[in-house]
N, C-alpha and C. Protein backbone atom coordinates (compact mmCIF):
# COMPACT_ATOMS: atom_id res chain seq x y z
N MET A 1 12.94 218.74 179.52
CA MET A 1 13.26 217.70 178.54
C MET A 1 13.37 218.35 177.17
N ARG A 2 14.43 217.98 176.47
CA ARG A 2 14.63 218.48 175.11
C ARG A 2 14.09 217.45 174.13
N ARG A 3 13.31 217.91 173.15
CA ARG A 3 12.76 217.04 172.11
C ARG A 3 13.58 217.20 170.84
N TYR A 4 13.86 216.06 170.20
CA TYR A 4 14.67 216.05 168.98
C TYR A 4 13.89 215.38 167.87
N GLY A 5 14.07 215.89 166.66
CA GLY A 5 13.57 215.22 165.47
C GLY A 5 14.71 214.45 164.83
N LEU A 6 14.39 213.67 163.80
CA LEU A 6 15.43 212.89 163.11
C LEU A 6 16.48 213.77 162.45
N ASP A 7 16.15 215.04 162.21
CA ASP A 7 17.12 215.96 161.63
C ASP A 7 18.06 216.55 162.69
N GLU A 8 17.89 216.12 163.94
CA GLU A 8 18.71 216.63 165.04
C GLU A 8 19.47 215.51 165.76
N LEU A 9 19.83 214.47 165.00
CA LEU A 9 20.51 213.32 165.62
C LEU A 9 21.85 213.69 166.24
N ASP A 10 22.57 214.61 165.62
CA ASP A 10 23.87 215.01 166.19
C ASP A 10 23.68 215.65 167.56
N ALA A 11 22.63 216.46 167.71
CA ALA A 11 22.35 217.09 169.00
C ALA A 11 21.92 216.05 170.03
N ALA A 12 21.11 215.07 169.61
CA ALA A 12 20.69 213.99 170.52
C ALA A 12 21.90 213.17 170.96
N ALA A 13 22.82 212.89 170.03
CA ALA A 13 24.03 212.15 170.35
C ALA A 13 24.92 212.95 171.30
N ALA A 14 24.98 214.26 171.12
CA ALA A 14 25.76 215.11 172.01
C ALA A 14 25.19 215.07 173.43
N LEU A 15 23.87 215.03 173.54
CA LEU A 15 23.22 214.91 174.85
C LEU A 15 23.66 213.60 175.52
N LEU A 16 23.69 212.50 174.76
CA LEU A 16 24.12 211.21 175.30
C LEU A 16 25.59 211.26 175.73
N ARG A 17 26.44 211.85 174.90
CA ARG A 17 27.86 211.93 175.24
C ARG A 17 28.09 212.81 176.48
N ALA A 18 27.18 213.74 176.74
CA ALA A 18 27.30 214.64 177.90
C ALA A 18 26.67 214.04 179.16
N GLY A 19 26.27 212.75 179.09
CA GLY A 19 25.73 212.09 180.28
C GLY A 19 24.23 212.10 180.38
N GLY A 20 23.55 212.43 179.29
CA GLY A 20 22.10 212.47 179.31
C GLY A 20 21.44 211.11 179.12
N VAL A 21 20.17 211.04 179.52
CA VAL A 21 19.33 209.87 179.30
C VAL A 21 18.28 210.28 178.27
N LEU A 22 18.19 209.48 177.22
CA LEU A 22 17.34 209.80 176.07
C LEU A 22 16.35 208.68 175.82
N ALA A 23 15.09 209.03 175.57
CA ALA A 23 14.11 208.05 175.11
C ALA A 23 14.12 208.07 173.58
N TYR A 24 14.10 206.88 172.97
CA TYR A 24 14.18 206.81 171.51
C TYR A 24 13.42 205.58 171.01
N PRO A 25 12.96 205.61 169.75
CA PRO A 25 12.19 204.49 169.23
C PRO A 25 13.06 203.31 168.85
N THR A 26 12.53 202.10 169.10
CA THR A 26 13.19 200.88 168.66
C THR A 26 12.19 200.10 167.80
N GLU A 27 12.45 198.83 167.59
CA GLU A 27 11.64 198.02 166.69
C GLU A 27 10.17 197.93 167.09
N ALA A 28 9.87 197.90 168.39
CA ALA A 28 8.48 197.72 168.85
C ALA A 28 8.05 198.74 169.88
N VAL A 29 8.99 199.23 170.68
CA VAL A 29 8.65 200.12 171.79
C VAL A 29 9.68 201.24 171.86
N TYR A 30 9.39 202.23 172.67
CA TYR A 30 10.39 203.25 172.96
C TYR A 30 11.37 202.67 173.97
N GLY A 31 12.63 203.04 173.82
CA GLY A 31 13.66 202.61 174.73
C GLY A 31 14.24 203.79 175.48
N LEU A 32 14.86 203.51 176.61
CA LEU A 32 15.66 204.50 177.31
C LEU A 32 17.11 204.15 177.05
N GLY A 33 17.90 205.16 176.73
CA GLY A 33 19.29 204.90 176.43
C GLY A 33 20.22 205.91 177.07
N CYS A 34 21.47 205.47 177.18
CA CYS A 34 22.55 206.33 177.65
C CYS A 34 23.86 205.69 177.19
N ASP A 35 24.94 206.38 177.45
CA ASP A 35 26.27 205.85 177.17
C ASP A 35 26.52 204.71 178.15
N PRO A 36 26.78 203.49 177.66
CA PRO A 36 26.97 202.37 178.58
C PRO A 36 28.20 202.51 179.49
N HIS A 37 29.13 203.39 179.12
CA HIS A 37 30.34 203.55 179.92
C HIS A 37 30.23 204.70 180.93
N ASP A 38 29.10 205.38 180.95
CA ASP A 38 28.88 206.49 181.87
C ASP A 38 28.03 205.99 183.04
N ARG A 39 28.69 205.63 184.12
CA ARG A 39 27.98 205.01 185.24
C ARG A 39 26.93 205.94 185.86
N THR A 40 27.22 207.23 185.93
CA THR A 40 26.27 208.18 186.50
C THR A 40 25.00 208.24 185.66
N ALA A 41 25.16 208.30 184.33
CA ALA A 41 23.99 208.30 183.43
C ALA A 41 23.22 207.00 183.57
N PHE A 42 23.95 205.91 183.66
CA PHE A 42 23.32 204.59 183.79
C PHE A 42 22.50 204.52 185.09
N GLU A 43 23.06 205.00 186.18
CA GLU A 43 22.34 204.98 187.45
C GLU A 43 21.10 205.87 187.40
N ARG A 44 21.18 206.98 186.70
CA ARG A 44 20.00 207.85 186.53
C ARG A 44 18.93 207.13 185.73
N LEU A 45 19.34 206.41 184.69
CA LEU A 45 18.39 205.65 183.87
C LEU A 45 17.67 204.61 184.74
N PHE A 46 18.41 203.88 185.54
CA PHE A 46 17.80 202.86 186.41
C PHE A 46 16.89 203.50 187.46
N ALA A 47 17.26 204.68 187.95
CA ALA A 47 16.40 205.38 188.90
C ALA A 47 15.09 205.80 188.22
N LEU A 48 15.17 206.27 186.98
CA LEU A 48 13.95 206.62 186.23
C LEU A 48 13.04 205.41 186.08
N LYS A 49 13.63 204.27 185.76
CA LYS A 49 12.85 203.05 185.56
C LYS A 49 12.42 202.40 186.87
N GLN A 50 13.08 202.78 187.97
CA GLN A 50 12.84 202.15 189.27
C GLN A 50 13.10 200.64 189.15
N ARG A 51 14.22 200.33 188.50
CA ARG A 51 14.57 198.94 188.20
C ARG A 51 15.69 198.48 189.12
N PRO A 52 15.63 197.25 189.62
CA PRO A 52 16.71 196.74 190.47
C PRO A 52 18.04 196.70 189.71
N PRO A 53 19.14 197.12 190.34
CA PRO A 53 20.43 197.18 189.65
C PRO A 53 21.00 195.82 189.27
N THR A 54 20.47 194.74 189.81
CA THR A 54 20.96 193.41 189.45
C THR A 54 20.48 192.99 188.07
N GLN A 55 19.46 193.66 187.55
CA GLN A 55 18.96 193.33 186.22
C GLN A 55 19.84 194.03 185.19
N GLY A 56 20.33 193.29 184.25
CA GLY A 56 21.15 193.89 183.21
C GLY A 56 20.30 194.54 182.15
N VAL A 57 20.96 195.16 181.21
CA VAL A 57 20.28 195.75 180.06
C VAL A 57 21.00 195.29 178.80
N LEU A 58 20.36 195.48 177.69
CA LEU A 58 21.02 195.14 176.43
C LEU A 58 21.65 196.37 175.82
N LEU A 59 22.56 196.13 174.90
CA LEU A 59 23.18 197.20 174.13
C LEU A 59 22.71 197.08 172.70
N ILE A 60 22.38 198.21 172.11
CA ILE A 60 21.89 198.25 170.73
C ILE A 60 22.94 198.98 169.89
N ALA A 61 23.08 198.57 168.64
CA ALA A 61 24.09 199.15 167.77
C ALA A 61 23.58 199.20 166.33
N ALA A 62 24.29 199.97 165.53
CA ALA A 62 23.96 200.09 164.11
C ALA A 62 24.66 199.03 163.27
N GLU A 63 25.81 198.56 163.74
CA GLU A 63 26.54 197.50 163.05
C GLU A 63 27.35 196.71 164.07
N PHE A 64 27.73 195.50 163.68
CA PHE A 64 28.42 194.61 164.61
C PHE A 64 29.70 195.23 165.15
N ALA A 65 30.38 196.03 164.35
CA ALA A 65 31.63 196.65 164.80
C ALA A 65 31.43 197.47 166.07
N GLN A 66 30.22 197.98 166.30
CA GLN A 66 29.96 198.79 167.49
C GLN A 66 29.80 197.95 168.77
N VAL A 67 29.56 196.65 168.62
CA VAL A 67 29.39 195.80 169.80
C VAL A 67 30.44 194.69 169.90
N GLU A 68 31.24 194.54 168.89
CA GLU A 68 32.20 193.43 168.83
C GLU A 68 33.11 193.39 170.05
N ARG A 69 33.53 194.53 170.55
CA ARG A 69 34.46 194.56 171.68
C ARG A 69 33.86 194.03 172.97
N TYR A 70 32.54 193.93 173.03
CA TYR A 70 31.87 193.44 174.24
C TYR A 70 31.75 191.92 174.28
N VAL A 71 32.11 191.26 173.19
CA VAL A 71 31.97 189.80 173.06
C VAL A 71 33.31 189.12 173.37
N ASP A 72 33.25 188.10 174.22
CA ASP A 72 34.42 187.25 174.46
C ASP A 72 34.48 186.27 173.29
N ARG A 73 35.14 186.67 172.21
CA ARG A 73 35.15 185.89 170.97
C ARG A 73 35.70 184.49 171.17
N ALA A 74 36.65 184.32 172.08
CA ALA A 74 37.25 183.01 172.31
C ALA A 74 36.24 182.02 172.88
N ALA A 75 35.18 182.52 173.50
CA ALA A 75 34.17 181.65 174.12
C ALA A 75 32.97 181.38 173.21
N VAL A 76 33.01 181.94 171.99
CA VAL A 76 31.87 181.79 171.07
C VAL A 76 32.31 180.97 169.85
N PRO A 77 31.79 179.75 169.69
CA PRO A 77 32.13 178.95 168.52
C PRO A 77 31.75 179.68 167.22
N ALA A 78 32.49 179.42 166.17
CA ALA A 78 32.26 180.09 164.89
C ALA A 78 30.83 179.92 164.40
N ALA A 79 30.26 178.74 164.57
CA ALA A 79 28.89 178.51 164.09
C ALA A 79 27.88 179.37 164.85
N ALA A 80 28.09 179.53 166.14
CA ALA A 80 27.20 180.38 166.95
C ALA A 80 27.34 181.84 166.54
N MET A 81 28.56 182.27 166.30
CA MET A 81 28.80 183.64 165.86
C MET A 81 28.14 183.88 164.51
N ALA A 82 28.28 182.94 163.62
CA ALA A 82 27.69 183.06 162.29
C ALA A 82 26.16 183.14 162.37
N ARG A 83 25.57 182.37 163.28
CA ARG A 83 24.11 182.39 163.45
C ARG A 83 23.64 183.79 163.87
N ALA A 84 24.33 184.37 164.83
CA ALA A 84 23.95 185.71 165.29
C ALA A 84 24.17 186.74 164.20
N GLU A 85 25.33 186.70 163.56
CA GLU A 85 25.62 187.68 162.52
C GLU A 85 24.66 187.58 161.34
N ALA A 86 24.19 186.36 161.04
CA ALA A 86 23.24 186.19 159.93
C ALA A 86 21.88 186.80 160.24
N SER A 87 21.57 186.98 161.53
CA SER A 87 20.27 187.54 161.92
C SER A 87 20.29 189.07 161.99
N TRP A 88 21.45 189.65 161.81
CA TRP A 88 21.62 191.11 161.93
C TRP A 88 21.95 191.75 160.61
N PRO A 89 21.60 193.02 160.42
CA PRO A 89 20.75 193.79 161.32
C PRO A 89 19.32 193.26 161.29
N GLY A 90 18.70 193.29 162.45
CA GLY A 90 17.33 192.81 162.56
C GLY A 90 16.88 192.78 164.00
N PRO A 91 15.63 192.39 164.23
CA PRO A 91 15.05 192.42 165.57
C PRO A 91 15.39 191.18 166.40
N HIS A 92 16.68 190.89 166.48
CA HIS A 92 17.16 189.70 167.20
C HIS A 92 18.21 190.12 168.22
N THR A 93 17.96 189.77 169.48
CA THR A 93 18.89 190.07 170.56
C THR A 93 19.52 188.75 171.00
N TRP A 94 20.84 188.75 171.13
CA TRP A 94 21.59 187.55 171.50
C TRP A 94 22.37 187.82 172.77
N ILE A 95 22.40 186.85 173.66
CA ILE A 95 23.24 186.94 174.86
C ILE A 95 24.55 186.23 174.57
N PHE A 96 25.64 186.97 174.72
CA PHE A 96 26.99 186.48 174.45
C PHE A 96 27.78 186.38 175.76
N PRO A 97 28.78 185.49 175.79
CA PRO A 97 29.76 185.58 176.87
C PRO A 97 30.41 186.97 176.75
N ARG A 98 30.52 187.66 177.86
CA ARG A 98 30.99 189.05 177.77
C ARG A 98 32.49 189.18 177.97
N SER A 99 33.03 190.19 177.33
CA SER A 99 34.45 190.51 177.48
C SER A 99 34.62 191.45 178.66
N ALA A 100 35.86 191.73 178.98
CA ALA A 100 36.18 192.66 180.07
C ALA A 100 35.79 194.09 179.72
N GLU A 101 35.44 194.36 178.47
CA GLU A 101 35.03 195.70 178.03
C GLU A 101 33.64 196.08 178.52
N VAL A 102 32.84 195.09 178.95
CA VAL A 102 31.47 195.36 179.39
C VAL A 102 31.51 195.91 180.82
N PRO A 103 31.01 197.13 181.03
CA PRO A 103 30.96 197.63 182.40
C PRO A 103 30.08 196.72 183.26
N ALA A 104 30.51 196.44 184.48
CA ALA A 104 29.79 195.53 185.36
C ALA A 104 28.35 195.98 185.57
N TRP A 105 28.12 197.28 185.66
CA TRP A 105 26.76 197.78 185.91
C TRP A 105 25.83 197.49 184.74
N VAL A 106 26.34 197.37 183.53
CA VAL A 106 25.51 197.08 182.36
C VAL A 106 25.00 195.64 182.42
N ALA A 107 25.86 194.72 182.83
CA ALA A 107 25.48 193.30 182.87
C ALA A 107 24.65 192.95 184.10
N GLY A 108 24.72 193.75 185.15
CA GLY A 108 23.99 193.43 186.37
C GLY A 108 24.53 192.14 186.97
N ALA A 109 23.64 191.25 187.36
CA ALA A 109 24.05 189.98 187.96
C ALA A 109 24.26 188.88 186.92
N HIS A 110 24.23 189.24 185.64
CA HIS A 110 24.32 188.25 184.56
C HIS A 110 25.77 188.02 184.12
N ALA A 111 26.06 186.79 183.72
CA ALA A 111 27.41 186.45 183.25
C ALA A 111 27.63 186.91 181.81
N GLY A 112 26.56 187.06 181.05
CA GLY A 112 26.67 187.44 179.65
C GLY A 112 26.24 188.87 179.40
N ILE A 113 26.23 189.24 178.12
CA ILE A 113 25.78 190.56 177.70
C ILE A 113 24.83 190.39 176.51
N ALA A 114 23.69 191.06 176.58
CA ALA A 114 22.69 191.00 175.51
C ALA A 114 22.99 192.10 174.50
N LEU A 115 23.08 191.70 173.22
CA LEU A 115 23.44 192.64 172.15
C LEU A 115 22.47 192.52 170.98
N ARG A 116 22.20 193.67 170.35
CA ARG A 116 21.38 193.67 169.13
C ARG A 116 21.93 194.67 168.14
N VAL A 117 22.04 194.25 166.90
CA VAL A 117 22.36 195.16 165.79
C VAL A 117 21.02 195.42 165.10
N THR A 118 20.52 196.61 165.29
CA THR A 118 19.16 196.93 164.86
C THR A 118 19.07 197.29 163.38
N ALA A 119 17.94 196.95 162.79
CA ALA A 119 17.62 197.38 161.43
C ALA A 119 16.63 198.54 161.47
N HIS A 120 16.21 198.94 162.68
CA HIS A 120 15.26 200.07 162.79
C HIS A 120 16.02 201.36 162.50
N ALA A 121 15.67 202.01 161.41
CA ALA A 121 16.45 203.14 160.90
C ALA A 121 16.69 204.26 161.93
N PRO A 122 15.68 204.73 162.67
CA PRO A 122 15.97 205.80 163.63
C PRO A 122 16.95 205.37 164.73
N ALA A 123 16.79 204.17 165.27
CA ALA A 123 17.70 203.70 166.33
C ALA A 123 19.11 203.51 165.78
N ALA A 124 19.22 202.94 164.58
CA ALA A 124 20.54 202.75 163.97
C ALA A 124 21.20 204.10 163.69
N ALA A 125 20.43 205.06 163.21
CA ALA A 125 20.98 206.39 162.92
C ALA A 125 21.47 207.06 164.21
N LEU A 126 20.75 206.85 165.31
CA LEU A 126 21.17 207.41 166.59
C LEU A 126 22.50 206.79 167.03
N CYS A 127 22.63 205.48 166.89
CA CYS A 127 23.89 204.81 167.25
C CYS A 127 25.04 205.31 166.37
N ARG A 128 24.78 205.52 165.09
CA ARG A 128 25.83 206.05 164.21
C ARG A 128 26.23 207.46 164.63
N ALA A 129 25.24 208.29 164.94
CA ALA A 129 25.55 209.66 165.36
C ALA A 129 26.32 209.67 166.68
N PHE A 130 25.96 208.75 167.59
CA PHE A 130 26.65 208.64 168.87
C PHE A 130 28.06 208.09 168.69
N GLY A 131 28.22 207.20 167.72
CA GLY A 131 29.52 206.62 167.45
C GLY A 131 29.77 205.32 168.19
N GLY A 132 28.71 204.66 168.61
CA GLY A 132 28.88 203.39 169.32
C GLY A 132 27.56 202.84 169.80
N ALA A 133 27.67 201.76 170.56
CA ALA A 133 26.48 201.10 171.10
C ALA A 133 25.90 201.93 172.23
N LEU A 134 24.59 201.79 172.41
CA LEU A 134 23.85 202.48 173.46
C LEU A 134 23.12 201.48 174.34
N VAL A 135 22.92 201.86 175.59
CA VAL A 135 22.03 201.10 176.46
C VAL A 135 20.64 201.16 175.83
N SER A 136 19.94 200.05 175.87
CA SER A 136 18.56 200.01 175.38
C SER A 136 17.73 199.17 176.34
N THR A 137 16.81 199.83 177.01
CA THR A 137 15.86 199.17 177.89
C THR A 137 14.53 199.85 177.70
N SER A 138 13.46 199.14 177.81
CA SER A 138 12.15 199.71 177.52
C SER A 138 11.88 200.97 178.34
N ALA A 139 11.25 201.94 177.69
CA ALA A 139 10.94 203.22 178.32
C ALA A 139 9.64 203.10 179.10
N ASN A 140 9.77 202.69 180.34
CA ASN A 140 8.63 202.55 181.24
C ASN A 140 9.16 202.36 182.65
N PRO A 141 8.38 202.79 183.63
CA PRO A 141 8.74 202.41 184.99
C PRO A 141 8.63 200.89 185.12
N HIS A 142 9.48 200.30 185.93
CA HIS A 142 9.52 198.85 186.11
C HIS A 142 8.13 198.32 186.44
N GLY A 143 7.69 197.30 185.70
CA GLY A 143 6.41 196.66 185.96
C GLY A 143 5.22 197.29 185.26
N VAL A 144 5.45 198.34 184.46
CA VAL A 144 4.39 199.03 183.73
C VAL A 144 4.60 198.75 182.23
N PRO A 145 3.54 198.70 181.41
CA PRO A 145 3.74 198.42 179.98
C PRO A 145 4.70 199.41 179.31
N PRO A 146 5.51 198.93 178.37
CA PRO A 146 6.48 199.80 177.69
C PRO A 146 5.79 200.89 176.87
N ALA A 147 6.44 202.04 176.79
CA ALA A 147 5.96 203.14 175.95
C ALA A 147 6.04 202.72 174.48
N ARG A 148 4.97 202.96 173.75
CA ARG A 148 4.96 202.62 172.32
C ARG A 148 4.99 203.86 171.44
N SER A 149 5.11 205.04 172.08
CA SER A 149 5.18 206.29 171.33
C SER A 149 5.96 207.32 172.15
N ALA A 150 6.34 208.40 171.48
CA ALA A 150 7.02 209.49 172.17
C ALA A 150 6.10 210.07 173.25
N MET A 151 4.81 210.15 172.94
CA MET A 151 3.84 210.68 173.90
C MET A 151 3.79 209.82 175.17
N ASP A 152 3.81 208.49 175.00
CA ASP A 152 3.81 207.59 176.16
C ASP A 152 5.07 207.80 177.00
N ALA A 153 6.22 207.88 176.34
CA ALA A 153 7.49 208.05 177.07
C ALA A 153 7.49 209.36 177.84
N ALA A 154 7.00 210.42 177.20
CA ALA A 154 6.93 211.72 177.88
C ALA A 154 5.98 211.67 179.06
N ALA A 155 4.87 210.94 178.90
CA ALA A 155 3.90 210.83 180.00
C ALA A 155 4.50 210.07 181.19
N TYR A 156 5.29 209.04 180.92
CA TYR A 156 5.91 208.27 182.00
C TYR A 156 6.95 209.08 182.77
N PHE A 157 7.78 209.84 182.06
CA PHE A 157 8.96 210.42 182.69
C PHE A 157 8.99 211.94 182.75
N GLY A 158 8.24 212.62 181.90
CA GLY A 158 8.18 214.08 181.91
C GLY A 158 9.54 214.73 181.90
N GLU A 159 9.68 215.74 182.72
CA GLU A 159 10.92 216.53 182.74
C GLU A 159 12.10 215.80 183.40
N ALA A 160 11.84 214.65 184.00
CA ALA A 160 12.95 213.87 184.57
C ALA A 160 13.83 213.29 183.47
N LEU A 161 13.27 213.20 182.27
CA LEU A 161 14.00 212.70 181.10
C LEU A 161 14.78 213.85 180.49
N ASP A 162 16.04 213.60 180.08
CA ASP A 162 16.85 214.66 179.49
C ASP A 162 16.45 214.96 178.06
N GLY A 163 16.10 213.90 177.30
CA GLY A 163 15.79 214.10 175.90
C GLY A 163 14.86 213.03 175.37
N LEU A 164 14.21 213.36 174.25
CA LEU A 164 13.25 212.47 173.61
C LEU A 164 13.42 212.59 172.10
N LEU A 165 13.76 211.48 171.45
CA LEU A 165 13.87 211.46 170.00
C LEU A 165 12.50 211.09 169.45
N GLU A 166 11.87 212.01 168.76
CA GLU A 166 10.52 211.80 168.25
C GLU A 166 10.59 211.20 166.85
N ALA A 167 10.25 209.93 166.78
CA ALA A 167 10.22 209.19 165.52
C ALA A 167 9.37 207.95 165.77
N PRO A 168 8.88 207.31 164.72
CA PRO A 168 8.03 206.14 164.93
C PRO A 168 8.82 204.90 165.35
N VAL A 169 8.13 204.05 166.12
CA VAL A 169 8.70 202.74 166.41
C VAL A 169 8.57 201.89 165.16
N GLY A 170 9.28 200.75 165.15
CA GLY A 170 9.22 199.85 164.00
C GLY A 170 7.95 199.03 163.98
N GLY A 171 7.89 198.06 163.10
CA GLY A 171 6.69 197.28 162.89
C GLY A 171 6.52 196.07 163.79
N GLN A 172 7.46 195.82 164.70
CA GLN A 172 7.32 194.68 165.61
C GLN A 172 6.17 194.92 166.59
N THR A 173 5.46 193.86 166.94
CA THR A 173 4.35 194.01 167.88
C THR A 173 4.76 193.80 169.33
N SER A 174 5.93 193.20 169.55
CA SER A 174 6.42 192.99 170.90
C SER A 174 7.94 193.15 170.90
N PRO A 175 8.52 193.42 172.08
CA PRO A 175 9.98 193.56 172.15
C PRO A 175 10.68 192.34 171.54
N THR A 176 11.91 192.55 171.11
CA THR A 176 12.65 191.51 170.41
C THR A 176 12.86 190.26 171.27
N THR A 177 12.89 189.13 170.58
CA THR A 177 13.21 187.87 171.23
C THR A 177 14.67 187.91 171.66
N ILE A 178 14.95 187.38 172.84
CA ILE A 178 16.33 187.29 173.34
C ILE A 178 16.70 185.81 173.40
N ARG A 179 17.83 185.48 172.76
CA ARG A 179 18.30 184.09 172.72
C ARG A 179 19.74 184.01 173.21
N ASP A 180 20.07 182.84 173.73
CA ASP A 180 21.44 182.54 174.13
C ASP A 180 22.22 182.14 172.88
N VAL A 181 23.31 182.84 172.58
CA VAL A 181 24.04 182.56 171.36
C VAL A 181 24.70 181.18 171.37
N LEU A 182 25.04 180.67 172.53
CA LEU A 182 25.74 179.39 172.61
C LEU A 182 24.78 178.21 172.42
N THR A 183 23.57 178.32 172.95
CA THR A 183 22.63 177.19 172.91
C THR A 183 21.46 177.41 171.97
N GLY A 184 21.20 178.66 171.62
CA GLY A 184 20.02 178.98 170.81
C GLY A 184 18.75 179.06 171.63
N ALA A 185 18.85 178.78 172.94
CA ALA A 185 17.66 178.80 173.81
C ALA A 185 17.04 180.19 173.87
N ILE A 186 15.71 180.22 173.86
CA ILE A 186 14.99 181.49 173.96
C ILE A 186 14.92 181.88 175.43
N ILE A 187 15.42 183.08 175.74
CA ILE A 187 15.41 183.60 177.11
C ILE A 187 14.17 184.46 177.32
N ARG A 188 13.79 185.23 176.27
CA ARG A 188 12.57 186.03 176.30
C ARG A 188 11.93 185.93 174.91
N ALA A 189 10.69 185.48 174.88
CA ALA A 189 9.99 185.34 173.60
C ALA A 189 9.31 186.64 173.23
């Protein structure tokens, strides 16, 4: 496993573009990420987590432009879109009707796609260095508490992980709330 500091974001992004799976800090916990369009990397990430493939993952981005193509804009009323955009960047994840741009493996058995434009500086910087949205799912084997530090992520996955971005998590005490953009309903508190 290669360890990266915040001064090595370009190298971490290159690892992601080359099909690597990287653990990185988010608002509350460490996440596992990969290129959402790289099915082999995605399958390796799910194998690391021991997660059923029917469960989807969310995509994290530095700005809305990085996730806009994944949204079926015609299915989202302007008021709903405005509500989501007003909450970003920030620790708010919204489930949108998905466009054809979303790889089927990312959505799993879900009709929508969960998206977040993060305000957490290290995660946003990683997305900018990568040049797009990244898969973001908690860094832990399925059913085990999420990693809250680089040390926890390394302990869970060791050398099976391709890379680890060492930086602090944000100030949130629990993973972000997930809401349905059309109804406002809370899917995960």
